N, C-alpha and C. Protein backbone atom coordinates (compact mmCIF):
# COMPACT_ATOMS: atom_id res chain seq x y z
N UNK A 1 17.33 -44.48 49.54
CA UNK A 1 17.55 -44.40 48.09
C UNK A 1 17.62 -42.95 47.62
N UNK A 2 17.29 -42.01 48.49
CA UNK A 2 17.31 -40.61 48.09
C UNK A 2 18.69 -40.19 47.62
N UNK A 3 19.73 -40.87 48.07
CA UNK A 3 21.08 -40.49 47.68
C UNK A 3 21.27 -40.56 46.17
N UNK A 4 20.47 -41.33 45.46
CA UNK A 4 20.64 -41.45 44.01
C UNK A 4 20.53 -40.08 43.35
N UNK A 5 19.46 -39.36 43.69
CA UNK A 5 19.28 -38.03 43.12
C UNK A 5 20.31 -37.07 43.69
N UNK A 6 20.62 -37.19 44.99
CA UNK A 6 21.58 -36.30 45.61
C UNK A 6 22.94 -36.43 44.94
N UNK A 7 23.40 -37.65 44.71
CA UNK A 7 24.71 -37.88 44.12
C UNK A 7 24.80 -37.30 42.73
N UNK A 8 23.77 -37.46 41.93
CA UNK A 8 23.86 -37.07 40.53
C UNK A 8 23.45 -35.63 40.28
N UNK A 9 22.88 -34.96 41.28
CA UNK A 9 22.30 -33.67 40.94
C UNK A 9 22.61 -32.52 41.87
N UNK A 10 22.73 -32.78 43.16
CA UNK A 10 22.71 -31.66 44.09
C UNK A 10 24.10 -31.17 44.46
N UNK A 11 24.15 -29.94 44.94
CA UNK A 11 25.40 -29.33 45.38
C UNK A 11 25.36 -29.17 46.89
N UNK A 12 26.44 -29.51 47.54
CA UNK A 12 26.46 -29.48 48.99
C UNK A 12 26.49 -28.07 49.55
N UNK A 13 26.15 -27.93 50.85
CA UNK A 13 26.18 -26.62 51.49
C UNK A 13 27.57 -26.00 51.41
N UNK A 14 27.63 -24.69 51.24
CA UNK A 14 28.90 -24.01 51.19
C UNK A 14 29.52 -23.93 49.82
N UNK A 15 28.98 -24.63 48.83
CA UNK A 15 29.51 -24.55 47.48
C UNK A 15 29.08 -23.23 46.84
N UNK A 16 29.89 -22.69 45.94
CA UNK A 16 29.50 -21.44 45.28
C UNK A 16 28.26 -21.63 44.44
N UNK A 17 27.49 -20.57 44.23
CA UNK A 17 26.27 -20.69 43.42
C UNK A 17 26.60 -21.18 42.01
N UNK A 18 25.73 -22.01 41.48
CA UNK A 18 25.91 -22.51 40.13
C UNK A 18 25.28 -21.56 39.12
N UNK A 19 25.78 -21.55 37.90
CA UNK A 19 25.14 -20.73 36.87
C UNK A 19 23.77 -21.28 36.54
N UNK A 20 22.91 -20.50 35.91
CA UNK A 20 21.59 -20.99 35.53
C UNK A 20 21.72 -22.13 34.53
N UNK A 21 20.68 -22.96 34.40
CA UNK A 21 20.73 -24.06 33.44
C UNK A 21 21.02 -23.55 32.04
N UNK A 22 21.68 -24.35 31.22
CA UNK A 22 22.01 -23.91 29.86
C UNK A 22 20.78 -23.80 28.98
N UNK A 23 20.97 -23.18 27.83
CA UNK A 23 19.88 -23.04 26.88
C UNK A 23 19.19 -21.70 26.98
N UNK A 24 18.48 -21.34 25.93
CA UNK A 24 17.77 -20.06 25.89
C UNK A 24 16.26 -20.22 25.97
N UNK A 25 15.81 -21.45 26.20
CA UNK A 25 14.37 -21.71 26.26
C UNK A 25 14.06 -22.59 27.46
N UNK A 26 13.21 -22.11 28.36
CA UNK A 26 12.82 -22.88 29.53
C UNK A 26 11.52 -23.63 29.27
N UNK A 27 11.53 -24.92 29.57
CA UNK A 27 10.33 -25.74 29.46
C UNK A 27 9.68 -25.94 30.81
N UNK A 28 10.18 -25.22 31.82
CA UNK A 28 9.53 -25.23 33.12
C UNK A 28 10.33 -25.94 34.20
N UNK A 29 10.00 -25.58 35.45
CA UNK A 29 10.54 -26.26 36.62
C UNK A 29 9.40 -27.02 37.28
N UNK A 30 9.66 -28.26 37.70
CA UNK A 30 8.62 -29.15 38.19
C UNK A 30 9.00 -29.74 39.54
N UNK A 31 8.04 -29.81 40.42
CA UNK A 31 8.21 -30.50 41.70
C UNK A 31 7.65 -31.91 41.53
N UNK A 32 8.52 -32.92 41.69
CA UNK A 32 8.17 -34.28 41.30
C UNK A 32 8.24 -35.22 42.50
N UNK A 33 7.21 -36.04 42.66
CA UNK A 33 7.19 -37.09 43.67
C UNK A 33 7.51 -38.43 43.01
N UNK A 34 8.46 -39.16 43.58
CA UNK A 34 8.84 -40.47 43.09
C UNK A 34 8.36 -41.54 44.06
N UNK A 35 7.63 -42.53 43.53
CA UNK A 35 7.10 -43.62 44.35
C UNK A 35 7.62 -44.95 43.82
N UNK A 36 8.19 -45.80 44.70
CA UNK A 36 8.66 -47.11 44.22
C UNK A 36 7.53 -47.92 43.62
N UNK A 37 7.86 -48.66 42.57
CA UNK A 37 6.88 -49.52 41.90
C UNK A 37 7.00 -50.93 42.47
N UNK A 38 5.91 -51.46 42.96
CA UNK A 38 5.89 -52.84 43.44
C UNK A 38 5.54 -53.75 42.28
N UNK A 39 6.47 -54.61 41.88
CA UNK A 39 6.23 -55.48 40.75
C UNK A 39 5.51 -56.76 41.11
N UNK A 40 5.51 -57.12 42.39
CA UNK A 40 4.89 -58.37 42.83
C UNK A 40 3.79 -58.05 43.84
N UNK A 41 2.84 -58.98 44.04
CA UNK A 41 1.61 -58.65 44.76
C UNK A 41 1.78 -58.11 46.17
N UNK A 42 2.77 -58.59 46.94
CA UNK A 42 2.79 -58.16 48.33
C UNK A 42 3.34 -56.75 48.51
N UNK A 43 3.94 -56.21 47.45
CA UNK A 43 4.39 -54.82 47.52
C UNK A 43 5.55 -54.60 48.46
N UNK A 44 6.22 -55.64 48.88
CA UNK A 44 7.34 -55.49 49.80
C UNK A 44 8.52 -54.79 49.17
N UNK A 45 9.36 -54.21 50.01
CA UNK A 45 10.52 -53.48 49.53
C UNK A 45 11.43 -54.39 48.71
N UNK A 46 11.49 -55.67 49.05
CA UNK A 46 12.36 -56.60 48.34
C UNK A 46 11.79 -57.07 47.01
N UNK A 47 10.63 -56.60 46.63
CA UNK A 47 10.00 -57.08 45.39
C UNK A 47 9.55 -55.88 44.56
N UNK A 48 10.53 -55.11 44.16
CA UNK A 48 10.23 -53.86 43.47
C UNK A 48 10.73 -53.87 42.03
N UNK A 49 10.76 -55.04 41.42
CA UNK A 49 11.20 -55.13 40.04
C UNK A 49 9.97 -55.16 39.14
N UNK A 50 9.77 -54.09 38.41
CA UNK A 50 8.54 -53.93 37.66
C UNK A 50 8.40 -54.95 36.54
N UNK A 51 9.52 -55.52 36.07
CA UNK A 51 9.44 -56.49 34.99
C UNK A 51 9.08 -57.89 35.50
N UNK A 52 8.86 -58.03 36.82
CA UNK A 52 8.48 -59.32 37.38
C UNK A 52 9.64 -60.24 37.63
N UNK A 53 10.85 -59.80 37.38
CA UNK A 53 12.03 -60.62 37.60
C UNK A 53 12.42 -60.69 39.06
N UNK A 54 13.63 -61.18 39.29
CA UNK A 54 14.10 -61.31 40.66
C UNK A 54 14.18 -59.94 41.33
N UNK A 55 13.90 -59.91 42.63
CA UNK A 55 14.00 -58.67 43.37
C UNK A 55 15.46 -58.24 43.46
N UNK A 56 15.69 -56.95 43.64
CA UNK A 56 17.05 -56.44 43.84
C UNK A 56 17.52 -56.84 45.24
N UNK A 57 18.51 -57.71 45.33
CA UNK A 57 18.95 -58.18 46.65
C UNK A 57 20.05 -57.34 47.27
N UNK A 58 20.45 -56.24 46.64
CA UNK A 58 21.53 -55.43 47.15
C UNK A 58 21.06 -54.65 48.38
N UNK A 59 21.62 -54.96 49.54
CA UNK A 59 21.12 -54.39 50.79
C UNK A 59 21.40 -52.90 50.88
N UNK A 60 22.33 -52.38 50.09
CA UNK A 60 22.63 -50.96 50.12
C UNK A 60 21.56 -50.12 49.43
N UNK A 61 20.66 -50.74 48.73
CA UNK A 61 19.59 -50.03 48.02
C UNK A 61 18.28 -50.29 48.76
N UNK A 62 17.74 -49.26 49.38
CA UNK A 62 16.48 -49.36 50.11
C UNK A 62 15.48 -48.40 49.48
N UNK A 63 14.65 -48.86 48.57
CA UNK A 63 13.73 -47.96 47.85
C UNK A 63 12.72 -47.30 48.79
N UNK A 64 12.66 -45.99 48.72
CA UNK A 64 11.68 -45.22 49.48
C UNK A 64 11.15 -44.10 48.59
N UNK A 65 10.00 -43.58 48.94
CA UNK A 65 9.46 -42.44 48.21
C UNK A 65 10.29 -41.19 48.51
N UNK A 66 10.44 -40.32 47.52
CA UNK A 66 11.16 -39.07 47.73
C UNK A 66 10.65 -38.03 46.73
N UNK A 67 11.07 -36.80 46.94
CA UNK A 67 10.69 -35.70 46.05
C UNK A 67 11.95 -35.01 45.54
N UNK A 68 11.85 -34.42 44.36
CA UNK A 68 12.95 -33.63 43.82
C UNK A 68 12.39 -32.61 42.84
N UNK A 69 13.19 -31.60 42.55
CA UNK A 69 12.79 -30.62 41.55
C UNK A 69 13.57 -30.86 40.27
N UNK A 70 12.95 -30.58 39.14
CA UNK A 70 13.56 -30.80 37.84
C UNK A 70 13.26 -29.60 36.94
N UNK A 71 14.30 -29.04 36.35
CA UNK A 71 14.16 -27.94 35.42
C UNK A 71 14.57 -28.42 34.03
N UNK A 72 13.73 -28.18 33.05
CA UNK A 72 14.00 -28.59 31.68
C UNK A 72 14.28 -27.35 30.83
N UNK A 73 15.39 -27.36 30.11
CA UNK A 73 15.75 -26.25 29.24
C UNK A 73 16.23 -26.82 27.91
N UNK A 74 16.26 -25.94 26.90
CA UNK A 74 16.77 -26.37 25.60
C UNK A 74 17.36 -25.19 24.85
N UNK A 75 18.15 -25.49 23.84
CA UNK A 75 18.69 -24.47 22.94
C UNK A 75 17.80 -24.43 21.70
N UNK A 76 17.17 -23.31 21.46
CA UNK A 76 16.22 -23.23 20.35
C UNK A 76 16.90 -23.40 19.00
N UNK A 77 18.18 -23.06 18.92
CA UNK A 77 18.87 -23.13 17.63
C UNK A 77 19.26 -24.55 17.24
N UNK A 78 19.51 -25.41 18.22
CA UNK A 78 19.98 -26.77 17.94
C UNK A 78 19.02 -27.85 18.38
N UNK A 79 18.12 -27.52 19.30
CA UNK A 79 17.22 -28.53 19.84
C UNK A 79 17.80 -29.31 21.01
N UNK A 80 19.07 -29.08 21.35
CA UNK A 80 19.68 -29.75 22.49
C UNK A 80 18.91 -29.40 23.77
N UNK A 81 18.64 -30.42 24.59
CA UNK A 81 17.89 -30.22 25.82
C UNK A 81 18.72 -30.67 27.02
N UNK A 82 18.35 -30.13 28.17
CA UNK A 82 19.03 -30.48 29.42
C UNK A 82 18.00 -30.65 30.53
N UNK A 83 18.36 -31.52 31.48
CA UNK A 83 17.57 -31.73 32.68
C UNK A 83 18.45 -31.39 33.87
N UNK A 84 18.02 -30.43 34.69
CA UNK A 84 18.78 -30.02 35.87
C UNK A 84 17.96 -30.38 37.10
N UNK A 85 18.53 -31.21 37.97
CA UNK A 85 17.82 -31.68 39.15
C UNK A 85 18.27 -30.90 40.39
N UNK A 86 17.30 -30.44 41.15
CA UNK A 86 17.58 -29.81 42.43
C UNK A 86 18.47 -28.59 42.36
N UNK A 87 18.51 -27.90 41.26
CA UNK A 87 19.37 -26.73 41.15
C UNK A 87 20.83 -27.07 40.97
N UNK A 88 21.14 -28.34 40.66
CA UNK A 88 22.52 -28.77 40.54
C UNK A 88 23.03 -28.68 39.12
N UNK A 89 23.86 -29.66 38.76
CA UNK A 89 24.48 -29.62 37.45
C UNK A 89 23.55 -30.17 36.38
N UNK A 90 23.52 -29.55 35.20
CA UNK A 90 22.64 -30.04 34.12
C UNK A 90 23.19 -31.32 33.52
N UNK A 91 22.29 -32.16 33.06
CA UNK A 91 22.67 -33.37 32.34
C UNK A 91 21.93 -33.39 31.01
N UNK A 92 22.54 -34.00 30.01
CA UNK A 92 21.93 -34.05 28.68
C UNK A 92 20.58 -34.76 28.74
N UNK A 93 19.69 -34.33 27.89
CA UNK A 93 18.35 -34.93 27.83
C UNK A 93 17.87 -34.92 26.39
N UNK A 94 17.02 -35.87 26.09
CA UNK A 94 16.30 -35.86 24.83
C UNK A 94 14.96 -35.19 25.01
N UNK A 95 14.47 -34.56 23.96
CA UNK A 95 13.15 -33.91 23.99
C UNK A 95 12.54 -34.06 22.61
N UNK A 96 11.41 -34.80 22.53
CA UNK A 96 10.77 -35.05 21.24
C UNK A 96 9.50 -34.23 21.04
N UNK A 97 9.31 -33.25 21.89
CA UNK A 97 8.11 -32.44 21.82
C UNK A 97 7.04 -32.85 22.82
N UNK A 98 7.22 -34.02 23.44
CA UNK A 98 6.29 -34.49 24.47
C UNK A 98 7.02 -35.08 25.67
N UNK A 99 8.09 -35.83 25.42
CA UNK A 99 8.77 -36.60 26.47
C UNK A 99 10.20 -36.14 26.65
N UNK A 100 10.57 -35.94 27.91
CA UNK A 100 11.95 -35.67 28.31
C UNK A 100 12.58 -37.00 28.72
N UNK A 101 13.80 -37.27 28.24
CA UNK A 101 14.48 -38.54 28.52
C UNK A 101 15.94 -38.25 28.84
N UNK A 102 16.37 -38.58 30.05
CA UNK A 102 17.75 -38.28 30.47
C UNK A 102 18.34 -39.46 31.22
N UNK A 103 19.57 -39.83 30.87
CA UNK A 103 20.29 -40.92 31.51
C UNK A 103 21.59 -40.38 32.08
N UNK A 104 21.88 -40.73 33.33
CA UNK A 104 23.15 -40.35 33.94
C UNK A 104 23.72 -41.58 34.65
N UNK A 105 25.02 -41.79 34.51
CA UNK A 105 25.68 -42.94 35.12
C UNK A 105 26.94 -42.47 35.84
N UNK A 106 27.17 -43.01 37.03
CA UNK A 106 28.38 -42.69 37.79
C UNK A 106 28.98 -43.98 38.34
N UNK A 107 30.28 -43.99 38.48
CA UNK A 107 30.95 -45.10 39.16
C UNK A 107 30.70 -44.93 40.65
N UNK A 108 30.14 -45.96 41.28
CA UNK A 108 29.70 -45.85 42.67
C UNK A 108 30.14 -47.08 43.45
N UNK A 109 30.81 -46.86 44.58
CA UNK A 109 31.25 -47.96 45.44
C UNK A 109 30.19 -48.20 46.51
N UNK A 110 29.58 -49.37 46.45
CA UNK A 110 28.63 -49.78 47.48
C UNK A 110 29.37 -50.62 48.52
N UNK A 111 29.12 -50.42 49.82
CA UNK A 111 29.82 -51.18 50.84
C UNK A 111 29.73 -52.69 50.63
N UNK A 112 28.57 -53.17 50.18
CA UNK A 112 28.40 -54.61 50.01
C UNK A 112 29.16 -55.16 48.81
N UNK A 113 29.65 -54.30 47.94
CA UNK A 113 30.26 -54.75 46.69
C UNK A 113 31.78 -54.63 46.69
N UNK A 114 32.37 -54.65 47.89
CA UNK A 114 33.81 -54.50 47.99
C UNK A 114 34.59 -55.62 47.34
N UNK A 115 33.99 -56.79 47.21
CA UNK A 115 34.69 -57.93 46.60
C UNK A 115 34.46 -58.00 45.09
N UNK A 116 33.80 -57.01 44.54
CA UNK A 116 33.48 -57.00 43.11
C UNK A 116 34.39 -56.02 42.38
N UNK A 117 34.49 -56.16 41.08
CA UNK A 117 35.09 -55.10 40.29
C UNK A 117 34.16 -53.89 40.32
N UNK A 118 34.59 -52.72 39.86
CA UNK A 118 33.80 -51.49 40.05
C UNK A 118 32.36 -51.62 39.57
N UNK A 119 31.48 -50.96 40.31
CA UNK A 119 30.06 -50.95 39.96
C UNK A 119 29.65 -49.58 39.43
N UNK A 120 28.65 -49.59 38.57
CA UNK A 120 28.11 -48.38 37.97
C UNK A 120 26.65 -48.21 38.40
N UNK A 121 26.32 -47.03 38.91
CA UNK A 121 24.93 -46.69 39.23
C UNK A 121 24.38 -45.84 38.08
N UNK A 122 23.28 -46.28 37.53
CA UNK A 122 22.68 -45.59 36.39
C UNK A 122 21.26 -45.16 36.74
N UNK A 123 20.93 -43.94 36.38
CA UNK A 123 19.61 -43.38 36.65
C UNK A 123 19.03 -42.86 35.34
N UNK A 124 17.88 -43.42 34.95
CA UNK A 124 17.18 -42.93 33.77
C UNK A 124 15.86 -42.29 34.20
N UNK A 125 15.67 -41.05 33.81
CA UNK A 125 14.45 -40.30 34.12
C UNK A 125 13.74 -40.01 32.81
N UNK A 126 12.48 -40.40 32.73
CA UNK A 126 11.65 -40.13 31.55
C UNK A 126 10.31 -39.60 32.03
N UNK A 127 9.88 -38.48 31.48
CA UNK A 127 8.53 -38.01 31.80
C UNK A 127 7.96 -37.21 30.64
N UNK A 128 6.65 -37.33 30.50
CA UNK A 128 5.92 -36.55 29.51
C UNK A 128 5.49 -35.23 30.15
N UNK A 129 5.62 -34.16 29.40
CA UNK A 129 5.08 -32.87 29.82
C UNK A 129 3.69 -32.72 29.22
N UNK A 130 2.71 -32.37 30.05
CA UNK A 130 1.33 -32.23 29.60
C UNK A 130 0.96 -30.76 29.51
N UNK A 131 0.48 -30.35 28.34
CA UNK A 131 0.01 -28.98 28.17
C UNK A 131 -1.29 -28.78 28.95
N UNK A 132 -1.73 -27.55 29.00
CA UNK A 132 -2.98 -27.26 29.71
C UNK A 132 -4.16 -28.04 29.10
N UNK A 133 -4.26 -28.04 27.77
CA UNK A 133 -5.40 -28.74 27.15
C UNK A 133 -5.27 -30.26 27.32
N UNK A 134 -4.07 -30.80 27.28
CA UNK A 134 -3.90 -32.24 27.51
C UNK A 134 -4.24 -32.60 28.95
N UNK A 135 -3.79 -31.77 29.90
CA UNK A 135 -4.07 -32.08 31.31
C UNK A 135 -5.56 -31.94 31.61
N UNK A 136 -6.24 -31.02 30.94
CA UNK A 136 -7.69 -30.90 31.12
C UNK A 136 -8.41 -32.19 30.73
N UNK A 137 -7.96 -32.81 29.63
CA UNK A 137 -8.61 -34.03 29.15
C UNK A 137 -8.40 -35.23 30.07
N UNK A 138 -7.33 -35.21 30.86
CA UNK A 138 -7.07 -36.36 31.75
C UNK A 138 -7.35 -36.00 33.20
N UNK A 139 -8.12 -34.93 33.42
CA UNK A 139 -8.58 -34.62 34.77
C UNK A 139 -7.57 -33.91 35.64
N UNK A 140 -6.67 -33.15 35.02
CA UNK A 140 -5.67 -32.38 35.76
C UNK A 140 -4.88 -33.26 36.73
N UNK A 141 -4.43 -34.39 36.24
CA UNK A 141 -3.59 -35.29 37.03
C UNK A 141 -2.79 -36.13 36.05
N UNK A 142 -1.83 -36.89 36.57
CA UNK A 142 -1.01 -37.73 35.70
C UNK A 142 -1.75 -39.02 35.36
N UNK A 143 -1.88 -39.34 34.08
CA UNK A 143 -2.46 -40.64 33.71
C UNK A 143 -1.49 -41.76 34.07
N UNK A 144 -2.04 -42.93 34.36
CA UNK A 144 -1.20 -44.05 34.81
C UNK A 144 -0.22 -44.49 33.75
N UNK A 145 -0.56 -44.33 32.49
CA UNK A 145 0.28 -44.81 31.39
C UNK A 145 0.78 -43.64 30.55
N UNK A 146 1.33 -42.63 31.22
CA UNK A 146 1.73 -41.41 30.53
C UNK A 146 2.78 -41.66 29.44
N UNK A 147 3.61 -42.68 29.60
CA UNK A 147 4.66 -42.96 28.62
C UNK A 147 4.25 -44.03 27.62
N UNK A 148 3.01 -44.46 27.70
CA UNK A 148 2.56 -45.54 26.83
C UNK A 148 1.15 -45.28 26.33
N UNK A 149 0.95 -44.11 25.73
CA UNK A 149 -0.32 -43.80 25.11
C UNK A 149 -1.33 -43.11 25.99
N UNK A 150 -0.99 -42.81 27.24
CA UNK A 150 -1.96 -42.20 28.14
C UNK A 150 -2.13 -40.71 27.98
N UNK A 151 -1.25 -40.05 27.26
CA UNK A 151 -1.36 -38.61 27.04
C UNK A 151 -2.07 -38.36 25.73
N UNK A 152 -3.19 -37.63 25.73
CA UNK A 152 -3.91 -37.34 24.48
C UNK A 152 -3.00 -36.65 23.47
N UNK A 153 -3.00 -37.14 22.25
CA UNK A 153 -2.10 -36.59 21.22
C UNK A 153 -2.82 -35.57 20.37
N UNK A 154 -2.23 -34.40 20.17
CA UNK A 154 -2.83 -33.41 19.27
C UNK A 154 -2.63 -33.81 17.82
N UNK A 155 -3.43 -33.26 16.90
CA UNK A 155 -4.47 -32.26 17.18
C UNK A 155 -5.76 -32.91 17.63
N UNK A 156 -6.56 -32.21 18.42
CA UNK A 156 -7.84 -32.74 18.85
C UNK A 156 -8.87 -32.67 17.73
N UNK A 157 -10.00 -33.38 17.90
CA UNK A 157 -11.03 -33.39 16.86
C UNK A 157 -11.60 -32.01 16.55
N UNK A 158 -11.57 -31.11 17.53
CA UNK A 158 -12.09 -29.76 17.30
C UNK A 158 -10.98 -28.74 17.16
N UNK A 159 -9.74 -29.23 17.07
CA UNK A 159 -8.62 -28.32 16.94
C UNK A 159 -8.19 -27.67 18.23
N UNK A 160 -8.82 -28.01 19.34
CA UNK A 160 -8.52 -27.34 20.60
C UNK A 160 -7.43 -28.00 21.42
N UNK A 161 -6.94 -29.14 20.98
CA UNK A 161 -5.92 -29.85 21.75
C UNK A 161 -4.55 -29.54 21.18
N UNK A 162 -3.68 -29.04 22.04
CA UNK A 162 -2.32 -28.73 21.62
C UNK A 162 -1.34 -29.37 22.58
N UNK A 163 -0.15 -29.66 22.09
CA UNK A 163 0.90 -30.22 22.93
C UNK A 163 1.68 -29.13 23.62
N UNK A 164 2.63 -29.51 24.47
CA UNK A 164 3.45 -28.51 25.15
C UNK A 164 4.29 -27.72 24.15
N UNK A 165 4.27 -26.41 24.29
CA UNK A 165 4.98 -25.55 23.33
C UNK A 165 5.05 -24.14 23.89
N UNK A 166 5.93 -23.35 23.31
CA UNK A 166 6.03 -21.95 23.70
C UNK A 166 4.80 -21.18 23.22
N UNK A 167 4.30 -20.30 24.07
CA UNK A 167 3.18 -19.43 23.73
C UNK A 167 3.53 -18.01 24.14
N UNK A 168 2.64 -17.09 23.88
CA UNK A 168 2.86 -15.70 24.29
C UNK A 168 2.93 -15.56 25.80
N UNK A 169 2.38 -16.54 26.52
CA UNK A 169 2.37 -16.50 27.98
C UNK A 169 3.45 -17.39 28.58
N UNK A 170 4.34 -17.90 27.78
CA UNK A 170 5.39 -18.79 28.28
C UNK A 170 5.17 -20.21 27.79
N UNK A 171 5.97 -21.14 28.31
CA UNK A 171 5.87 -22.52 27.85
C UNK A 171 4.62 -23.18 28.44
N UNK A 172 3.82 -23.78 27.58
CA UNK A 172 2.54 -24.37 27.98
C UNK A 172 2.75 -25.81 28.43
N UNK A 173 2.95 -26.00 29.73
CA UNK A 173 3.04 -27.33 30.33
C UNK A 173 2.74 -27.20 31.81
N UNK A 174 1.88 -28.10 32.32
CA UNK A 174 1.46 -28.03 33.72
C UNK A 174 1.92 -29.22 34.54
N UNK A 175 2.09 -30.38 33.90
CA UNK A 175 2.42 -31.59 34.64
C UNK A 175 3.58 -32.33 33.98
N UNK A 176 4.33 -33.06 34.82
CA UNK A 176 5.40 -33.94 34.36
C UNK A 176 5.09 -35.33 34.90
N UNK A 177 4.87 -36.30 34.00
CA UNK A 177 4.38 -37.62 34.39
C UNK A 177 5.23 -38.71 33.74
N UNK A 178 5.80 -39.61 34.54
CA UNK A 178 6.63 -40.62 33.91
C UNK A 178 7.22 -41.63 34.86
N UNK A 179 8.52 -41.92 34.70
CA UNK A 179 9.14 -43.01 35.43
C UNK A 179 10.63 -42.73 35.63
N UNK A 180 11.16 -43.33 36.68
CA UNK A 180 12.59 -43.32 36.96
C UNK A 180 13.04 -44.76 37.14
N UNK A 181 14.13 -45.12 36.49
CA UNK A 181 14.72 -46.44 36.68
C UNK A 181 16.12 -46.27 37.24
N UNK A 182 16.39 -46.90 38.37
CA UNK A 182 17.71 -46.89 38.98
C UNK A 182 18.27 -48.29 38.90
N UNK A 183 19.51 -48.42 38.46
CA UNK A 183 20.11 -49.75 38.33
C UNK A 183 21.56 -49.74 38.79
N UNK A 184 22.01 -50.90 39.23
CA UNK A 184 23.41 -51.12 39.60
C UNK A 184 23.92 -52.29 38.78
N UNK A 185 25.08 -52.14 38.20
CA UNK A 185 25.68 -53.22 37.42
C UNK A 185 27.19 -53.13 37.52
N UNK A 186 27.87 -54.21 37.15
CA UNK A 186 29.32 -54.20 37.13
C UNK A 186 29.82 -53.39 35.93
N UNK A 187 30.91 -52.70 36.13
CA UNK A 187 31.42 -51.83 35.08
C UNK A 187 31.81 -52.62 33.83
N UNK A 188 32.38 -53.77 34.01
CA UNK A 188 32.85 -54.58 32.89
C UNK A 188 31.99 -55.82 32.73
N UNK A 189 31.86 -56.27 31.49
CA UNK A 189 31.05 -57.45 31.20
C UNK A 189 31.69 -58.71 31.79
N UNK A 190 30.85 -59.72 31.95
CA UNK A 190 31.34 -61.00 32.46
C UNK A 190 30.69 -61.36 33.77
N UNK A 191 30.90 -62.62 34.18
CA UNK A 191 30.33 -63.10 35.44
C UNK A 191 30.95 -62.36 36.62
N UNK A 192 30.16 -62.16 37.69
CA UNK A 192 30.71 -61.51 38.88
C UNK A 192 31.76 -62.38 39.56
N UNK A 193 32.63 -61.77 40.32
CA UNK A 193 33.63 -62.51 41.09
C UNK A 193 32.95 -63.46 42.06
N UNK A 194 33.60 -64.54 42.45
CA UNK A 194 32.96 -65.55 43.32
C UNK A 194 32.42 -64.97 44.62
N UNK A 195 33.10 -63.99 45.19
CA UNK A 195 32.66 -63.42 46.47
C UNK A 195 31.84 -62.14 46.31
N UNK A 196 31.50 -61.81 45.08
CA UNK A 196 30.71 -60.60 44.84
C UNK A 196 29.30 -60.78 45.39
N UNK A 197 28.83 -59.82 46.16
CA UNK A 197 27.53 -59.94 46.82
C UNK A 197 26.39 -59.93 45.80
N UNK A 198 25.28 -60.62 46.10
CA UNK A 198 24.12 -60.61 45.19
C UNK A 198 23.61 -59.18 44.97
N UNK A 199 23.28 -58.89 43.74
CA UNK A 199 22.72 -57.59 43.40
C UNK A 199 23.72 -56.60 42.86
N UNK A 200 25.02 -56.82 43.12
CA UNK A 200 26.02 -55.88 42.62
C UNK A 200 26.12 -55.93 41.10
N UNK A 201 25.70 -57.04 40.52
CA UNK A 201 25.79 -57.19 39.07
C UNK A 201 24.45 -57.06 38.37
N UNK A 202 23.35 -56.93 39.14
CA UNK A 202 22.03 -56.90 38.50
C UNK A 202 21.00 -56.41 39.50
N UNK A 203 20.85 -55.10 39.59
CA UNK A 203 19.87 -54.51 40.52
C UNK A 203 19.09 -53.45 39.76
N UNK A 204 17.77 -53.57 39.75
CA UNK A 204 16.92 -52.59 39.08
C UNK A 204 15.76 -52.22 40.00
N UNK A 205 15.56 -50.94 40.21
CA UNK A 205 14.43 -50.44 40.99
C UNK A 205 13.72 -49.39 40.15
N UNK A 206 12.41 -49.48 40.08
CA UNK A 206 11.61 -48.56 39.26
C UNK A 206 10.71 -47.69 40.14
N UNK A 207 10.49 -46.48 39.66
CA UNK A 207 9.64 -45.51 40.35
C UNK A 207 8.66 -44.90 39.35
N UNK A 208 7.49 -44.53 39.83
CA UNK A 208 6.60 -43.67 39.06
C UNK A 208 6.87 -42.22 39.47
N UNK A 209 6.75 -41.32 38.51
CA UNK A 209 6.98 -39.90 38.75
C UNK A 209 5.71 -39.11 38.48
N UNK A 210 5.33 -38.29 39.44
CA UNK A 210 4.17 -37.40 39.31
C UNK A 210 4.62 -36.01 39.70
N UNK A 211 4.59 -35.07 38.75
CA UNK A 211 5.09 -33.75 39.03
C UNK A 211 4.16 -32.64 38.58
N UNK A 212 4.27 -31.50 39.24
CA UNK A 212 3.50 -30.31 38.87
C UNK A 212 4.43 -29.14 38.64
N UNK A 213 4.02 -28.25 37.74
CA UNK A 213 4.79 -27.06 37.42
C UNK A 213 4.86 -26.15 38.63
N UNK A 214 6.04 -25.64 38.89
CA UNK A 214 6.20 -24.66 39.97
C UNK A 214 5.85 -23.26 39.46
């Protein structure tokens, strides 16, 4: 499954150097570990649908743990943000002051889906950036529910809790904690073709993301 990040982000050997990520404000570079989420009790590779639905039966998708680097930048004048993976091409991202949210989709031909109309591979990456004071409160690690209330919200009762932001010493963020969702679907709406392999029209694999500032 590592190819998902490779396809959408990385540049192959021998390619000319890419320009630096866009924007005039860096929110940090993070080394992130992605772990598949087991939605059903046995934790098997075939049962990795976090919503409890049917497992992804597409044999071309084999969820495994992997690591990648992510750089977050923004334009201070407009608020536009970008997420650049592995030193590759930047992709648009949302930034609300706590959470980075980026979706990228590519047309992707899977060997098993040759009898189907074109398939689309979509990758959504969402993670909260934790400031030093926020990470101190959660034990200098990623809380399990970072995207659902697990990150302490400023201001703190004593005024000492602050969110990620620019300071005199640079951008205040130590951890990136969140989730990645990878999905495969048919490009056009409607029922799959009769010979279309299972999973080409409905495949979802979820990962937890735990990252530290480089």
